[in-house]
Structures are given as structure tokens and as C-alpha cells.
C-alpha atoms as a PDB file:
ATOM      1  CA  MET A   1     157.207 103.055 107.063  1.00  0.00           C
ATOM      2  CA  THR A   2     154.660 105.290 108.875  1.00  0.00           C
ATOM      3  CA  THR A   3     152.937 104.678 112.188  1.00  0.00           C
ATOM      4  CA  SER A   4     149.518 106.026 113.092  1.00  0.00           C
ATOM      5  CA  THR A   5     147.538 105.684 116.319  1.00  0.00           C
ATOM      6  CA  SER A   6     143.765 105.904 116.623  1.00  0.00           C
ATOM      7  CA  ALA A   7     141.488 105.594 119.654  1.00  0.00           C
ATOM      8  CA  VAL A   8     139.004 102.755 119.447  1.00  0.00           C
ATOM      9  CA  THR A   9     136.602 101.392 122.042  1.00  0.00           C
ATOM     10  CA  GLU A  10     135.552  97.860 121.203  1.00  0.00           C
ATOM     11  CA  VAL A  11     132.288  96.726 122.787  1.00  0.00           C
ATOM     12  CA  THR A  12     129.519  94.642 121.344  1.00  0.00           C
ATOM     13  CA  ALA A  13     125.842  95.208 122.071  1.00  0.00           C
ATOM     14  CA  SER A  14     125.643  91.933 124.004  1.00  0.00           C
ATOM     15  CA  ASP A  15     128.534  93.091 126.233  1.00  0.00           C
ATOM     16  CA  ALA A  16     126.594  96.208 127.157  1.00  0.00           C
ATOM     17  CA  VAL A  17     123.840  94.270 128.876  1.00  0.00           C
ATOM     18  CA  ASN A  18     125.882  91.362 130.254  1.00  0.00           C
ATOM     19  CA  PRO A  19     125.850  91.649 134.071  1.00  0.00           C
ATOM     20  CA  ALA A  20     128.527  88.959 134.457  1.00  0.00           C
ATOM     21  CA  HIS A  21     131.381  91.376 133.771  1.00  0.00           C
ATOM     22  CA  THR A  22     133.753  92.118 136.598  1.00  0.00           C
ATOM     23  CA  ALA A  23     134.611  95.657 137.639  1.00  0.00           C
ATOM     24  CA  THR A  24     138.020  95.257 135.963  1.00  0.00           C
ATOM     25  CA  GLU A  25     136.430  94.271 132.665  1.00  0.00           C
ATOM     26  CA  VAL A  26     134.088  97.231 132.858  1.00  0.00           C
ATOM     27  CA  ALA A  27     137.016  99.541 133.577  1.00  0.00           C
ATOM     28  CA  ASP A  28     138.777  98.100 130.543  1.00  0.00           C
ATOM     29  CA  VAL A  29     135.741  98.909 128.418  1.00  0.00           C
ATOM     30  CA  VAL A  30     135.434 102.438 129.803  1.00  0.00           C
ATOM     31  CA  ALA A  31     139.124 103.150 129.273  1.00  0.00           C
ATOM     32  CA  VAL A  32     139.741 103.885 125.639  1.00  0.00           C
ATOM     33  CA  ALA A  33     141.801 101.231 123.910  1.00  0.00           C
ATOM     34  CA  THR A  34     144.374 102.338 121.405  1.00  0.00           C
ATOM     35  CA  THR A  35     145.447 100.414 118.386  1.00  0.00           C
ATOM     36  CA  THR A  36     148.498 101.050 116.337  1.00  0.00           C
ATOM     37  CA  ALA A  37     148.334 100.508 112.638  1.00  0.00           C
ATOM     38  CA  VAL A  38     151.570 100.204 110.760  1.00  0.00           C
ATOM     39  CA  ALA A  39     151.644 101.163 107.131  1.00  0.00           C
ATOM     40  CA  THR A  40     154.275 100.428 104.584  1.00  0.00           C
ATOM     41  CA  SER A  41     154.829 102.484 101.473  1.00  0.00           C
ATOM     42  CA  ASP A  42     152.478 100.217  99.461  1.00  0.00           C
ATOM     43  CA  GLN A  43     149.972  99.494 102.268  1.00  0.00           C
ATOM     44  CA  PRO A  44     147.722 102.192 103.860  1.00  0.00           C
ATOM     45  CA  ALA A  45     147.103 102.412 107.608  1.00  0.00           C
ATOM     46  CA  THR A  46     144.071 100.467 108.867  1.00  0.00           C
ATOM     47  CA  THR A  47     141.848 100.935 111.869  1.00  0.00           C
ATOM     48  CA  SER A  48     139.514  98.558 113.671  1.00  0.00           C
ATOM     49  CA  THR A  49     136.024  98.222 112.213  1.00  0.00           C
ATOM     50  CA  ALA A  50     134.553  96.454 115.243  1.00  0.00           C
ATOM     51  CA  PRO A  51     131.182  97.807 116.382  1.00  0.00           C
ATOM     52  CA  THR A  52     131.450 100.391 119.143  1.00  0.00           C
ATOM     53  CA  ALA A  53     129.107 100.792 122.075  1.00  0.00           C
ATOM     54  CA  THR A  54     126.826 103.775 122.294  1.00  0.00           C
ATOM     55  CA  PRO A  55     127.400 106.326 125.059  1.00  0.00           C
ATOM     56  CA  ASN A  56     124.249 105.022 126.812  1.00  0.00           C
ATOM     57  CA  GLN A  57     125.600 101.463 126.832  1.00  0.00           C
ATOM     58  CA  LEU A  58     128.926 102.659 128.203  1.00  0.00           C
ATOM     59  CA  ALA A  59     127.108 104.780 130.795  1.00  0.00           C
ATOM     60  CA  ARG A  60     125.130 101.778 132.048  1.00  0.00           C
ATOM     61  CA  LYS A  61     128.358  99.775 132.373  1.00  0.00           C
ATOM     62  CA  LEU A  62     129.998 102.671 134.170  1.00  0.00           C
ATOM     63  CA  LEU A  63     127.043 102.959 136.542  1.00  0.00           C
ATOM     64  CA  LYS A  64     127.382  99.273 137.442  1.00  0.00           C
ATOM     65  CA  LYS A  65     131.072  99.847 138.120  1.00  0.00           C
ATOM     66  CA  LEU A  66     130.305 102.882 140.288  1.00  0.00           C
ATOM     67  CA  GLN A  67     127.750 100.841 142.239  1.00  0.00           C
ATOM     68  CA  THR A  68     130.374  98.191 142.992  1.00  0.00           C
ATOM     69  CA  ASP A  69     133.119 100.707 143.818  1.00  0.00           C
ATOM     70  CA  PHE A  70     131.130 103.260 145.857  1.00  0.00           C
ATOM     71  CA  SER A  71     128.425 102.304 148.343  1.00  0.00           C
ATOM     72  CA  VAL A  72     126.709 105.698 147.936  1.00  0.00           C
ATOM     73  CA  PHE A  73     125.773 104.689 144.391  1.00  0.00           C
ATOM     74  CA  ASP A  74     124.656 101.211 145.416  1.00  0.00           C
ATOM     75  CA  GLU A  75     122.514 102.609 148.247  1.00  0.00           C
ATOM     76  CA  HIS A  76     121.158 105.418 146.038  1.00  0.00           C
ATOM     77  CA  LEU A  77     122.029 108.105 148.581  1.00  0.00           C
ATOM     78  CA  PRO A  78     121.614 111.772 147.592  1.00  0.00           C
ATOM     79  CA  LEU A  79     124.924 112.780 146.040  1.00  0.00           C
ATOM     80  CA  ALA A  80     126.827 115.970 146.703  1.00  0.00           C
ATOM     81  CA  ILE A  81     126.519 118.657 144.089  1.00  0.00           C
ATOM     82  CA  GLY A  82     129.633 118.464 141.902  1.00  0.00           C
ATOM     83  CA  ILE A  83     130.101 114.726 142.429  1.00  0.00           C
ATOM     84  CA  ASP A  84     131.086 114.467 138.766  1.00  0.00           C
ATOM     85  CA  LYS A  85     134.211 116.530 139.464  1.00  0.00           C
ATOM     86  CA  GLN A  86     135.111 114.255 142.387  1.00  0.00           C
ATOM     87  CA  LEU A  87     134.700 111.218 140.160  1.00  0.00           C
ATOM     88  CA  GLN A  88     136.829 112.804 137.409  1.00  0.00           C
ATOM     89  CA  LYS A  89     139.623 113.371 139.951  1.00  0.00           C
ATOM     90  CA  LYS A  90     139.460 109.785 141.208  1.00  0.00           C
ATOM     91  CA  MET A  91     139.035 108.268 137.747  1.00  0.00           C
ATOM     92  CA  PRO A  92     140.610 110.628 135.187  1.00  0.00           C
ATOM     93  CA  GLU A  93     140.239 108.053 132.389  1.00  0.00           C
ATOM     94  CA  LEU A  94     136.447 108.498 132.372  1.00  0.00           C
ATOM     95  CA  ASP A  95     134.827 110.141 129.384  1.00  0.00           C
ATOM     96  CA  ARG A  96     132.961 113.185 130.691  1.00  0.00           C
ATOM     97  CA  LYS A  97     129.953 112.614 128.427  1.00  0.00           C
ATOM     98  CA  VAL A  98     129.569 108.980 129.509  1.00  0.00           C
ATOM     99  CA  LEU A  99     129.939 110.007 133.163  1.00  0.00           C
ATOM    100  CA  ARG A 100     127.235 112.670 132.837  1.00  0.00           C
ATOM    101  CA  ILE A 101     124.870 110.168 131.196  1.00  0.00           C
ATOM    102  CA  ALA A 102     125.563 107.605 133.958  1.00  0.00           C
ATOM    103  CA  LEU A 103     124.900 110.208 136.649  1.00  0.00           C
ATOM    104  CA  GLY A 104     121.689 111.215 134.878  1.00  0.00           C
ATOM    105  CA  ILE A 105     120.474 107.622 134.814  1.00  0.00           C
ATOM    106  CA  HIS A 106     121.362 107.209 138.481  1.00  0.00           C
ATOM    107  CA  THR A 107     119.832 110.459 139.747  1.00  0.00           C
ATOM    108  CA  ASN A 108     116.597 109.880 137.819  1.00  0.00           C
ATOM    109  CA  SER A 109     116.066 106.397 139.258  1.00  0.00           C
ATOM    110  CA  VAL A 110     113.050 105.941 141.519  1.00  0.00           C
ATOM    111  CA  ARG A 111     115.190 104.788 144.458  1.00  0.00           C
ATOM    112  CA  TYR A 112     117.444 107.842 144.222  1.00  0.00           C
ATOM    113  CA  LEU A 113     114.506 110.245 143.919  1.00  0.00           C
ATOM    114  CA  PHE A 114     112.746 108.590 146.855  1.00  0.00           C
ATOM    115  CA  ASN A 115     115.877 108.938 149.013  1.00  0.00           C
ATOM    116  CA  ALA A 116     116.425 112.529 147.861  1.00  0.00           C
ATOM    117  CA  ALA A 117     112.849 113.418 148.781  1.00  0.00           C
ATOM    118  CA  LYS A 118     113.277 112.043 152.317  1.00  0.00           C
ATOM    119  CA  ALA A 119     116.934 112.796 153.170  1.00  0.00           C
ATOM    120  CA  GLN A 120     118.262 115.891 154.904  1.00  0.00           C
ATOM    121  CA  LYS A 121     121.937 115.722 153.779  1.00  0.00           C
ATOM    122  CA  ARG A 122     123.903 115.008 150.624  1.00  0.00           C
ATOM    123  CA  VAL A 123     126.939 112.716 150.729  1.00  0.00           C
ATOM    124  CA  ASP A 124     130.320 112.567 148.991  1.00  0.00           C
ATOM    125  CA  LEU A 125     131.898 109.461 147.447  1.00  0.00           C
ATOM    126  CA  GLU A 126     132.996 108.141 150.854  1.00  0.00           C
ATOM    127  CA  GLY A 127     129.492 108.534 152.293  1.00  0.00           C
ATOM    128  CA  LYS A 128     130.318 111.545 154.487  1.00  0.00           C
ATOM    129  CA  GLU A 129     127.564 114.128 154.820  1.00  0.00           C
ATOM    130  CA  VAL A 130     128.655 117.323 153.083  1.00  0.00           C
ATOM    131  CA  ASP A 131     125.715 119.677 152.670  1.00  0.00           C
ATOM    132  CA  ALA A 132     122.000 119.893 153.250  1.00  0.00           C
ATOM    133  CA  ILE A 133     119.409 119.119 150.612  1.00  0.00           C
ATOM    134  CA  THR A 134     117.360 122.217 149.969  1.00  0.00           C
ATOM    135  CA  GLU A 135     113.604 122.091 150.338  1.00  0.00           C
ATOM    136  CA  GLU A 136     113.395 122.992 146.649  1.00  0.00           C
ATOM    137  CA  HIS A 137     115.372 119.867 145.676  1.00  0.00           C
ATOM    138  CA  ARG A 138     113.267 117.636 147.953  1.00  0.00           C
ATOM    139  CA  THR A 139     110.085 119.111 146.474  1.00  0.00           C
ATOM    140  CA  HIS A 140     111.427 118.589 142.958  1.00  0.00           C
ATOM    141  CA  ALA A 141     112.220 114.914 143.679  1.00  0.00           C
ATOM    142  CA  SER A 142     108.762 114.388 145.218  1.00  0.00           C
ATOM    143  CA  GLY A 143     107.138 116.059 142.217  1.00  0.00           C
ATOM    144  CA  ILE A 144     108.933 113.814 139.751  1.00  0.00           C
ATOM    145  CA  LEU A 145     107.893 110.744 141.752  1.00  0.00           C
ATOM    146  CA  ARG A 146     104.251 111.917 141.794  1.00  0.00           C
ATOM    147  CA  GLU A 147     104.310 112.559 138.035  1.00  0.00           C
ATOM    148  CA  ARG A 148     105.765 109.118 137.336  1.00  0.00           C
ATOM    149  CA  SER A 149     103.278 107.468 139.657  1.00  0.00           C
ATOM    150  CA  LYS A 150     100.375 109.257 137.961  1.00  0.00           C
ATOM    151  CA  LYS A 151     101.737 108.420 134.510  1.00  0.00           C
ATOM    152  CA  ASN A 152     102.108 104.738 135.462  1.00  0.00           C
ATOM    153  CA  ALA A 153      98.592 104.670 136.956  1.00  0.00           C
ATOM    154  CA  ASP A 154      97.184 106.243 133.779  1.00  0.00           C
ATOM    155  CA  ALA A 155      99.032 103.691 131.641  1.00  0.00           C
ATOM    156  CA  ARG A 156      97.665 100.842 133.777  1.00  0.00           C
ATOM    157  CA  LYS A 157      94.122 102.247 133.437  1.00  0.00           C
ATOM    158  CA  LEU A 158      94.473 102.536 129.659  1.00  0.00           C
ATOM    159  CA  LYS A 159      95.809  98.988 129.436  1.00  0.00           C
ATOM    160  CA  ALA A 160      93.013  97.618 131.642  1.00  0.00           C
ATOM    161  CA  ASN A 161      90.424  99.532 129.604  1.00  0.00           C
ATOM    162  CA  ALA A 162      91.861  98.209 126.340  1.00  0.00           C
ATOM    163  CA  GLU A 163      91.817  94.644 127.712  1.00  0.00           C
ATOM    164  CA  ARG A 164      88.213  95.091 128.896  1.00  0.00           C
ATOM    165  CA  ILE A 165      87.143  96.356 125.458  1.00  0.00           C
ATOM    166  CA  GLN A 166      88.979  93.499 123.778  1.00  0.00           C
ATOM    167  CA  LYS A 167      87.196  90.957 126.018  1.00  0.00           C
ATOM    168  CA  GLN A 168      83.824  92.604 125.300  1.00  0.00           C
ATOM    169  CA  GLU A 169      84.476  92.480 121.561  1.00  0.00           C
ATOM    170  CA  ALA A 170      85.578  88.854 121.788  1.00  0.00           C
ATOM    171  CA  GLU A 171      82.421  87.992 123.780  1.00  0.00           C
ATOM    172  CA  ALA A 172      80.212  89.865 121.277  1.00  0.00           C
ATOM    173  CA  GLU A 173      81.888  87.997 118.411  1.00  0.00           C
ATOM    174  CA  ARG A 174      81.372  84.665 120.221  1.00  0.00           C
ATOM    175  CA  GLN A 175      77.672  85.461 120.795  1.00  0.00           C
ATOM    176  CA  ARG A 176      77.284  86.496 117.161  1.00  0.00           C
ATOM    177  CA  GLN A 177      78.915  83.272 116.024  1.00  0.00           C
ATOM    178  CA  ASP A 178      76.631  81.251 118.374  1.00  0.00           C
ATOM    179  CA  LYS A 179      73.521  82.937 116.889  1.00  0.00           C
ATOM    180  CA  LEU A 180      74.738  82.265 113.362  1.00  0.00           C
ATOM    181  CA  ASN A 181      75.329  78.625 114.262  1.00  0.00           C
ATOM    182  CA  GLN A 182      71.836  78.395 115.828  1.00  0.00           C
ATOM    183  CA  LEU A 183      70.256  79.930 112.708  1.00  0.00           C
ATOM    184  CA  ALA A 184      72.265  77.652 110.457  1.00  0.00           C
ATOM    185  CA  ALA A 185      71.170  74.632 112.524  1.00  0.00           C
ATOM    186  CA  LYS A 186      67.517  75.801 112.532  1.00  0.00           C
ATOM    187  CA  PHE A 187      67.345  76.276 108.765  1.00  0.00           C
ATOM    188  CA  ALA A 188      69.330  73.127 108.100  1.00  0.00           C
ATOM    189  CA  ARG A 189      66.545  71.060 109.820  1.00  0.00           C
ATOM    190  CA  THR A 190      63.814  72.333 107.580  1.00  0.00           C
END
């Protein structure tokens, strides 16, 4: 009889977007579950075939957990450079790739960028100020916010223009149909 162990993370797509999970459940998802498959001489080892979550889904769950565990994430305060290393020390079970994706999502959020553009200091996990935000980083955050704002304004203009054109076409079609009905009525009388 042989024993084999394989790492499996079992998460469904609906779990990835369910906000009702507790921090403990999220931690259970982030921690890699192991399953042991026992094989006999006439039976091969088997592994779980349950669907696994994508790294982005796991990162979003991790971000929700970080927001409940650390107020600096919930308040979107500018984080200290190297915060990923601090998190790895506090939570060694975290997958580095998932952590980096979660931090990327967090630091590219509008609230975080807005705070980074206005703040003077970065904070650690406990909320203590650790170092100053450089003018370059504040300018970068402001630039990203301006670009997004411009992009959103352009998208709104395009949508409004498309709706206006659609209304004009619908009105032109209605007028055309009215004229056809008038002509049909006129020639039907004669």
C-alpha cells in the first residue's frame, strides 16, 4: 500500500464573490488544503477534481481578509514600501503570488490612490508612520487618478453620444413611418 499527498485548494467560483464568508473561512481558503490519497496494489492514487479558484479570486478573498484584520487596509492608507514582506512574516501560509495580486488590487484602488496623493507619510501594518511619501509617488498617484478620470469622462461622452444618435435614428424612423402611414391613408381614400 502506497500513500501520496498532493496540495489542493478547493474553492468554487460562487465562493470567490460571496461576501458572507468570515475571516476564518477566508483563511481556510487561502491556506492550502492537503488531501491524502491511499492506493492499494490494484488501485491507483486519486486526487481531488474539484474546481480551483483563480489567483485573482483568491487575491480578492485575501484582500477582504486583510481589510478585516488590518485597519490600514480598510482605511486605504498609504502602505510602507515592503509591506508584502511584513505580511509574509505575520502570515507565512500566504501564497506570494496571491499576496502580490491582492496588494496590486488594493494599491490601484481609487481610494488608495487618492490617499497616497494627499498623504505625507506611509504606514506599517499597525498604522504607525514609518517613512515619508516622496513627491514622485504623490505625483504618480495624482497622474493615475487624472488619467482614470479623463478615461471615465471620455467613456461617458461616447455613451451619451451613442444614446443621442440612437434617439435621433429612432425619431427619424418614427417620422418616416408616420409619412408612410399618411401616404398610405391618402392613397387609400382615392
